[in-house]
């Protein structure tokens, strides 16, 4: 099978290549046995399944069959593999309504192909996967069409109350200064993600004629916590900042290198470092509530011992309200206090659409009885 001239194995079948790729010993970067089990499960049950078929003209002709015959993806030889074949295979996964599995299958396909080149079993440039990587994730549309009425709302307990927001802000201002307090204000009332807020640059800021502030935000194409994800097109959105907060931001101004919330040594904060050196410090100062099931990941530090922890030491979410709770508070503030249209709020926050945004937060809308009474009083007696 091994070509003596080049070392390439282009006469190998895709299924054989996948089996070699699935050996955990070849991947020291894999995060334990559970990750290897997930990759193997998706690859074997979906990509290498008999139902995942493609049309490969050259392979079919060599076999003497019809050019319209379907061949399982696992039987396709590497020399016949193209980007269109991989797209067709992923289309079968999508048609099977495996919406929760589609992204992982996408990761596995691109990772297997890249690994073949890395191992020199295929020559560089053998397969152009740019079109494969740009495939859109269809789960959002599927969720909306089939499960739109069952979007799980954000629990009320996960939305930090406004009095706790202000108490936390006071501690941040005492320990870090006014700029840190304004960062929390931006999170609590405008609603960017913490990584987006820490990366705000003066070149992306402007104000309209009504005094409102606007930031142009470029959403990341992938999640940096995982090694292999299909990079999507980067999305741009305009984030609204209330006029009173825009005035405060312009009063302090950006740093000398034009970042609004720079790190002490210049540049921008990495999110994890900011969370440890800033957020955790402020939370400890205000005696921020700790989750009852919190355990340190490795050492079992207080308040619990990892061996007796209900989560077996794997739950690293320490605080009752994480920094992401400020984003939930901002959504509720814009929807129910300011009264913005859900479509506008979805555009500011980067949600899919106004329907999804409303479904996420309508369960947290406060004071239902008071709203009924005040609305009825405002409407008056219809008999008059």
Protein backbone atom coordinates (compact mmCIF):
# COMPACT_ATOMS: atom_id res chain seq x y z
CA UNK A 1 0.00 0.00 0.00
CA UNK A 2 2.83 2.40 0.74
CA UNK A 3 4.19 3.98 -2.42
CA UNK A 4 7.94 3.66 -2.39
CA UNK A 5 8.61 6.86 -4.34
CA UNK A 6 6.65 9.40 -2.30
CA UNK A 7 5.53 7.64 0.88
CA UNK A 8 1.92 8.54 0.08
CA UNK A 9 -0.96 6.13 0.60
CA UNK A 10 -3.49 7.48 -1.85
CA UNK A 11 -4.78 3.99 -2.62
CA UNK A 12 -5.92 3.70 0.99
CA UNK A 13 -9.66 3.88 1.63
CA UNK A 14 -11.16 6.65 3.75
CA UNK A 15 -12.39 4.09 6.29
CA UNK A 16 -8.86 2.74 6.76
CA UNK A 17 -7.50 6.27 7.17
CA UNK A 18 -10.19 7.01 9.76
CA UNK A 19 -9.31 3.88 11.74
CA UNK A 20 -5.69 4.96 11.89
CA UNK A 21 -6.76 8.44 12.97
CA UNK A 22 -8.96 7.07 15.76
CA UNK A 23 -6.08 5.45 17.63
CA UNK A 24 -5.77 7.58 20.82
CA UNK A 25 -2.02 6.94 21.09
CA UNK A 26 -1.49 9.04 17.98
CA UNK A 27 -3.05 12.13 19.58
CA UNK A 28 -1.36 13.29 22.80
CA UNK A 29 -3.33 16.54 22.55
CA UNK A 30 -6.68 14.75 23.04
CA UNK A 31 -8.25 15.56 26.37
CA UNK A 32 -8.54 12.13 27.95
CA UNK A 33 -10.50 9.01 27.14
CA UNK A 34 -13.88 10.74 27.01
CA UNK A 35 -12.80 12.92 24.09
CA UNK A 36 -11.41 9.92 22.21
CA UNK A 37 -14.64 8.02 22.85
CA UNK A 38 -16.74 10.87 21.45
CA UNK A 39 -14.62 11.19 18.31
CA UNK A 40 -14.75 7.45 17.70
CA UNK A 41 -18.50 7.30 18.28
CA UNK A 42 -19.29 10.06 15.81
CA UNK A 43 -16.83 8.82 13.20
CA UNK A 44 -17.95 5.20 13.27
CA UNK A 45 -21.69 5.74 13.71
CA UNK A 46 -22.04 8.53 11.18
CA UNK A 47 -19.16 9.07 8.78
CA UNK A 48 -18.33 5.37 8.36
CA UNK A 49 -21.93 4.19 8.41
CA UNK A 50 -23.34 2.41 5.33
CA UNK A 51 -25.99 5.12 4.91
CA UNK A 52 -23.38 7.84 4.31
CA UNK A 53 -22.99 7.36 0.57
CA UNK A 54 -21.44 9.49 -2.15
CA UNK A 55 -21.03 9.32 -5.90
CA UNK A 56 -17.43 8.75 -7.00
CA UNK A 57 -17.18 8.48 -10.75
CA UNK A 58 -13.65 7.13 -11.04
CA UNK A 59 -14.06 4.53 -8.32
CA UNK A 60 -17.36 3.34 -9.74
CA UNK A 61 -16.01 3.10 -13.25
CA UNK A 62 -13.06 1.02 -12.12
CA UNK A 63 -15.50 -1.33 -10.45
CA UNK A 64 -17.40 -1.64 -13.69
CA UNK A 65 -20.66 -0.23 -12.37
CA UNK A 66 -22.86 2.65 -13.30
CA UNK A 67 -21.62 6.21 -12.80
CA UNK A 68 -24.74 6.98 -10.78
CA UNK A 69 -24.16 4.28 -8.18
CA UNK A 70 -23.69 5.33 -4.56
CA UNK A 71 -20.57 4.26 -2.67
CA UNK A 72 -20.17 4.47 1.11
CA UNK A 73 -17.77 7.19 2.13
CA UNK A 74 -15.61 4.68 3.96
CA UNK A 75 -14.99 2.82 0.66
CA UNK A 76 -13.77 5.88 -1.25
CA UNK A 77 -10.07 5.79 -2.03
CA UNK A 78 -8.03 8.82 -1.07
CA UNK A 79 -7.00 9.49 -4.65
CA UNK A 80 -10.69 9.92 -5.53
CA UNK A 81 -11.60 12.03 -2.51
CA UNK A 82 -12.68 15.62 -3.20
CA UNK A 83 -14.19 18.45 -1.24
CA UNK A 84 -17.54 17.96 -2.96
CA UNK A 85 -17.59 14.33 -1.77
CA UNK A 86 -17.03 15.41 1.83
CA UNK A 87 -19.76 18.03 1.51
CA UNK A 88 -22.14 15.40 0.15
CA UNK A 89 -21.35 13.09 3.07
CA UNK A 90 -21.98 15.86 5.59
CA UNK A 91 -25.24 16.60 3.79
CA UNK A 92 -26.37 13.05 4.62
CA UNK A 93 -25.57 13.68 8.27
CA UNK A 94 -27.65 16.83 8.18
CA UNK A 95 -30.55 15.11 6.41
CA UNK A 96 -30.60 12.48 9.13
CA UNK A 97 -31.54 15.31 11.54
CA UNK A 98 -28.43 14.74 13.61
CA UNK A 99 -28.25 18.43 14.44
CA UNK A 100 -26.35 17.90 17.68
CA UNK A 101 -23.88 15.66 15.86
CA UNK A 102 -23.38 17.67 12.69
CA UNK A 103 -20.71 19.99 14.05
CA UNK A 104 -18.71 17.14 15.57
CA UNK A 105 -18.93 15.21 12.29
CA UNK A 106 -17.70 18.32 10.50
CA UNK A 107 -14.75 18.55 12.91
CA UNK A 108 -13.88 14.89 12.42
CA UNK A 109 -13.94 15.09 8.61
CA UNK A 110 -11.64 18.09 8.44
CA UNK A 111 -9.37 16.72 11.16
CA UNK A 112 -8.96 13.35 9.42
CA UNK A 113 -8.06 15.00 6.13
CA UNK A 114 -5.60 17.39 7.77
CA UNK A 115 -4.07 14.52 9.70
CA UNK A 116 -3.51 12.54 6.49
CA UNK A 117 -1.41 15.38 5.11
CA UNK A 118 0.42 15.79 8.41
CA UNK A 119 1.36 12.12 8.40
CA UNK A 120 2.48 12.48 4.76
CA UNK A 121 0.07 9.80 3.67
CA UNK A 122 -1.25 12.40 1.25
CA UNK A 123 0.71 15.16 -0.50
CA UNK A 124 0.35 18.81 0.52
CA UNK A 125 -2.46 20.47 -1.41
CA UNK A 126 -4.00 17.09 -2.14
CA UNK A 127 -7.44 18.25 -1.04
CA UNK A 128 -8.71 21.83 -0.78
CA UNK A 129 -10.99 21.87 2.26
CA UNK A 130 -11.80 25.58 2.24
CA UNK A 131 -15.30 24.97 0.90
CA UNK A 132 -15.82 22.25 3.51
CA UNK A 133 -14.73 24.50 6.36
CA UNK A 134 -17.07 27.26 5.22
CA UNK A 135 -20.16 25.10 5.44
CA UNK A 136 -22.77 26.79 7.58
CA UNK A 137 -24.02 25.07 10.70
CA UNK A 138 -27.68 24.25 9.94
CA UNK A 139 -28.68 23.58 13.53
CA UNK A 140 -30.01 27.08 14.17
CA UNK A 141 -32.55 26.93 11.36
CA UNK A 142 -33.50 23.39 12.26
CA UNK A 143 -33.99 24.33 15.87
CA UNK A 144 -36.16 27.24 14.91
CA UNK A 145 -38.30 25.23 12.50
CA UNK A 146 -38.76 22.11 14.61
CA UNK A 147 -38.16 23.17 18.19
CA UNK A 148 -38.91 26.88 18.16
CA UNK A 149 -41.58 26.50 20.81
CA UNK A 150 -39.23 24.65 23.13
CA UNK A 151 -36.29 27.04 23.49
CA UNK A 152 -35.11 26.63 27.07
CA UNK A 153 -35.41 30.01 28.83
CA UNK A 154 -32.65 31.38 30.99
CA UNK A 155 -33.53 30.54 34.62
CA UNK A 156 -34.44 33.53 36.74
CA UNK A 157 -31.81 32.56 39.27
CA UNK A 158 -29.09 32.91 36.62
CA UNK A 159 -29.87 36.60 36.13
CA UNK A 160 -28.04 38.69 38.69
CA UNK A 161 -30.34 41.23 40.45
CA UNK A 162 -29.66 44.90 39.88
CA UNK A 163 -28.85 45.58 43.55
CA UNK A 164 -26.17 42.87 43.42
CA UNK A 165 -24.85 44.37 40.19
CA UNK A 166 -24.43 47.75 41.87
CA UNK A 167 -22.88 46.22 44.98
CA UNK A 168 -20.35 44.34 42.90
CA UNK A 169 -19.64 47.49 40.87
CA UNK A 170 -18.85 49.43 44.03
CA UNK A 171 -16.27 46.87 45.06
CA UNK A 172 -14.69 46.95 41.60
CA UNK A 173 -14.41 50.72 41.71
CA UNK A 174 -12.74 50.65 45.13
CA UNK A 175 -10.24 47.96 44.17
CA UNK A 176 -9.61 48.71 40.50
CA UNK A 177 -10.78 52.23 39.77
CA UNK A 178 -13.38 53.95 37.65
CA UNK A 179 -12.40 52.24 34.42
CA UNK A 180 -13.05 48.79 35.90
CA UNK A 181 -16.40 49.99 37.23
CA UNK A 182 -17.36 51.24 33.76
CA UNK A 183 -16.40 47.89 32.27
CA UNK A 184 -18.96 46.25 34.55
CA UNK A 185 -21.52 48.92 33.62
CA UNK A 186 -20.93 48.13 29.96
CA UNK A 187 -21.44 44.42 30.61
CA UNK A 188 -24.59 45.00 32.70
CA UNK A 189 -26.41 47.50 30.48
CA UNK A 190 -25.04 47.11 26.93
CA UNK A 191 -24.45 43.35 27.03
CA UNK A 192 -21.23 42.47 25.18
CA UNK A 193 -19.47 39.21 25.94
CA UNK A 194 -16.53 39.69 28.27
CA UNK A 195 -14.01 38.85 25.53
CA UNK A 196 -15.63 41.38 23.22
CA UNK A 197 -15.62 44.08 25.92
CA UNK A 198 -11.94 43.56 26.70
CA UNK A 199 -11.07 43.90 22.99
CA UNK A 200 -12.96 47.17 22.33
CA UNK A 201 -10.86 49.63 20.34
CA UNK A 202 -11.37 53.35 19.81
CA UNK A 203 -11.46 52.86 16.03
CA UNK A 204 -14.73 50.93 16.40
CA UNK A 205 -16.52 53.57 18.47
CA UNK A 206 -18.85 56.38 17.40
CA UNK A 207 -21.87 58.32 18.66
CA UNK A 208 -25.08 59.22 16.86
CA UNK A 209 -26.93 62.52 16.85
CA UNK A 210 -29.05 61.45 19.84
CA UNK A 211 -25.99 60.87 22.00
CA UNK A 212 -26.13 57.06 21.94
CA UNK A 213 -22.84 55.24 21.74
CA UNK A 214 -22.11 52.45 19.26
CA UNK A 215 -19.39 49.84 19.08
CA UNK A 216 -18.72 47.80 15.97
CA UNK A 217 -18.01 44.25 17.15
CA UNK A 218 -16.52 41.45 15.10
CA UNK A 219 -17.60 38.12 16.53
CA UNK A 220 -14.99 35.39 16.67
CA UNK A 221 -15.21 32.75 14.02
CA UNK A 222 -14.64 29.85 16.39
CA UNK A 223 -14.28 28.95 20.05
CA UNK A 224 -10.70 29.02 21.21
CA UNK A 225 -11.31 26.41 23.90
CA UNK A 226 -11.20 23.59 21.32
CA UNK A 227 -8.53 22.71 18.84
CA UNK A 228 -10.69 21.72 15.90
CA UNK A 229 -13.81 23.62 14.86
CA UNK A 230 -15.06 24.58 11.43
CA UNK A 231 -14.25 28.29 11.07
CA UNK A 232 -17.40 30.18 10.17
CA UNK A 233 -17.60 33.53 8.48
CA UNK A 234 -16.91 36.33 10.91
CA UNK A 235 -20.02 38.29 11.79
CA UNK A 236 -20.21 42.02 12.48
CA UNK A 237 -22.80 43.64 14.67
CA UNK A 238 -23.35 47.08 16.15
CA UNK A 239 -23.71 47.17 19.93
CA UNK A 240 -25.79 49.97 21.46
CA UNK A 241 -24.53 51.89 24.52
CA UNK A 242 -26.95 54.16 26.45
CA UNK A 243 -26.19 57.85 26.19
CA UNK A 244 -25.46 58.23 29.91
CA UNK A 245 -22.95 55.39 29.78
CA UNK A 246 -21.44 56.73 26.56
CA UNK A 247 -20.79 60.04 28.35
CA UNK A 248 -18.95 58.24 31.15
CA UNK A 249 -16.88 56.22 28.68
CA UNK A 250 -15.78 59.30 26.78
CA UNK A 251 -14.99 61.04 30.08
CA UNK A 252 -12.31 58.47 30.90
CA UNK A 253 -11.29 57.98 27.27
CA UNK A 254 -9.27 55.09 25.82
CA UNK A 255 -5.74 54.22 26.89
CA UNK A 256 -2.61 55.49 25.19
CA UNK A 257 -2.66 52.54 22.80
CA UNK A 258 -6.36 53.18 21.97
CA UNK A 259 -7.89 50.27 23.92
CA UNK A 260 -10.82 51.06 26.18
CA UNK A 261 -10.01 48.45 28.82
CA UNK A 262 -6.30 47.64 28.46
CA UNK A 263 -4.19 45.22 30.46
CA UNK A 264 -1.68 46.75 32.92
CA UNK A 265 1.26 45.90 30.64
CA UNK A 266 -0.49 47.22 27.52
CA UNK A 267 -2.53 45.46 24.89
CA UNK A 268 -5.67 43.56 25.80
CA UNK A 269 -6.54 41.21 28.64
CA UNK A 270 -6.83 37.46 27.99
CA UNK A 271 -10.24 36.53 29.36
CA UNK A 272 -9.01 33.88 31.79
CA UNK A 273 -6.34 36.15 33.21
CA UNK A 274 -8.85 38.98 33.67
CA UNK A 275 -11.26 36.62 35.38
CA UNK A 276 -8.64 35.42 37.87
CA UNK A 277 -6.92 38.75 38.56
CA UNK A 278 -9.96 41.00 38.48
CA UNK A 279 -13.34 39.29 38.70
CA UNK A 280 -12.37 36.71 41.36
CA UNK A 281 -10.69 39.40 43.42
CA UNK A 282 -13.78 41.61 43.35
CA UNK A 283 -16.06 38.66 44.10
CA UNK A 284 -14.05 37.74 47.18
CA UNK A 285 -14.15 41.35 48.39
CA UNK A 286 -17.96 41.54 48.30
CA UNK A 287 -18.40 38.02 49.67
CA UNK A 288 -20.00 36.91 46.40
CA UNK A 289 -22.09 33.73 46.90
CA UNK A 290 -20.33 30.49 45.98
CA UNK A 291 -22.12 27.56 44.39
CA UNK A 292 -22.87 24.77 46.80
CA UNK A 293 -21.44 22.11 44.47
CA UNK A 294 -18.25 24.00 43.65
CA UNK A 295 -15.04 21.97 43.79
CA UNK A 296 -11.63 22.79 42.44
CA UNK A 297 -10.87 20.76 39.33
CA UNK A 298 -7.66 19.11 40.50
CA UNK A 299 -6.83 19.79 44.12
CA UNK A 300 -10.20 19.84 45.86
CA UNK A 301 -9.47 23.19 47.48
CA UNK A 302 -11.97 24.72 49.89
CA UNK A 303 -14.84 25.01 50.30
CA UNK A 304 -15.12 21.28 49.49
CA UNK A 305 -12.91 18.26 49.25
CA UNK A 306 -12.86 16.78 45.75
CA UNK A 307 -13.40 13.24 47.02
CA UNK A 308 -16.63 14.18 48.79
CA UNK A 309 -17.83 16.70 46.22
CA UNK A 310 -21.10 15.79 44.45
CA UNK A 311 -19.51 16.71 41.12
CA UNK A 312 -16.41 14.62 41.84
CA UNK A 313 -14.20 17.67 41.67
CA UNK A 314 -15.04 18.45 38.04
CA UNK A 315 -17.28 21.47 38.53
CA UNK A 316 -15.09 24.57 38.25
CA UNK A 317 -17.85 27.16 38.17
CA UNK A 318 -17.14 28.85 41.45
CA UNK A 319 -19.49 31.79 41.81
CA UNK A 320 -23.25 31.80 42.08
CA UNK A 321 -23.37 34.41 39.30
CA UNK A 322 -20.60 34.27 36.74
CA UNK A 323 -19.50 37.22 34.65
CA UNK A 324 -21.84 36.00 31.88
CA UNK A 325 -24.77 36.79 34.20
CA UNK A 326 -24.15 40.46 33.47
CA UNK A 327 -25.06 39.79 29.85
CA UNK A 328 -28.35 38.23 30.96
CA UNK A 329 -29.01 41.30 33.09
CA UNK A 330 -28.35 43.55 30.09
CA UNK A 331 -30.85 41.62 27.97
CA UNK A 332 -33.55 41.94 30.61
CA UNK A 333 -32.72 45.64 31.10
CA UNK A 334 -33.08 46.37 27.38
CA UNK A 335 -36.22 44.28 26.93
CA UNK A 336 -38.21 45.09 30.03
CA UNK A 337 -36.84 48.33 31.49
CA UNK A 338 -36.00 50.29 28.34
CA UNK A 339 -38.66 48.51 26.27
CA UNK A 340 -36.61 47.91 23.14
CA UNK A 341 -37.91 45.73 20.35
CA UNK A 342 -36.69 42.11 20.68
CA UNK A 343 -35.25 42.24 17.16
CA UNK A 344 -33.14 45.26 18.13
CA UNK A 345 -31.95 43.58 21.33
CA UNK A 346 -31.06 40.45 19.38
CA UNK A 347 -29.01 42.59 17.00
CA UNK A 348 -27.15 44.29 19.86
CA UNK A 349 -26.40 41.06 21.69
CA UNK A 350 -25.64 38.92 18.65
CA UNK A 351 -28.55 36.50 19.07
CA UNK A 352 -30.07 34.65 16.15
CA UNK A 353 -33.30 36.69 15.97
CA UNK A 354 -35.79 38.51 18.14
CA UNK A 355 -37.95 35.43 18.64
CA UNK A 356 -35.11 33.45 20.18
CA UNK A 357 -34.05 36.41 22.32
CA UNK A 358 -37.59 36.89 23.65
CA UNK A 359 -38.02 33.20 24.40
CA UNK A 360 -34.76 33.15 26.33
CA UNK A 361 -35.69 35.97 28.69
CA UNK A 362 -39.46 36.31 28.79
CA UNK A 363 -39.59 33.90 31.73
CA UNK A 364 -37.44 36.28 33.74
CA UNK A 365 -39.68 39.31 33.18
CA UNK A 366 -40.30 40.69 36.67
CA UNK A 367 -43.44 41.78 38.52
CA UNK A 368 -46.15 40.19 36.40
CA UNK A 369 -48.99 41.16 38.77
CA UNK A 370 -47.85 44.78 38.93
CA UNK A 371 -47.61 44.94 35.16
CA UNK A 372 -51.18 43.70 34.82
CA UNK A 373 -52.50 46.22 37.31
CA UNK A 374 -50.59 49.20 35.91
CA UNK A 375 -51.50 48.36 32.32
CA UNK A 376 -55.18 48.04 33.22
CA UNK A 377 -55.12 51.36 35.08
CA UNK A 378 -53.43 53.05 32.14
CA UNK A 379 -55.96 51.67 29.67
CA UNK A 380 -58.85 52.84 31.78
CA UNK A 381 -62.44 51.64 31.78
CA UNK A 382 -63.30 50.33 28.29
CA UNK A 383 -67.02 51.02 28.93
CA UNK A 384 -66.32 54.73 28.96
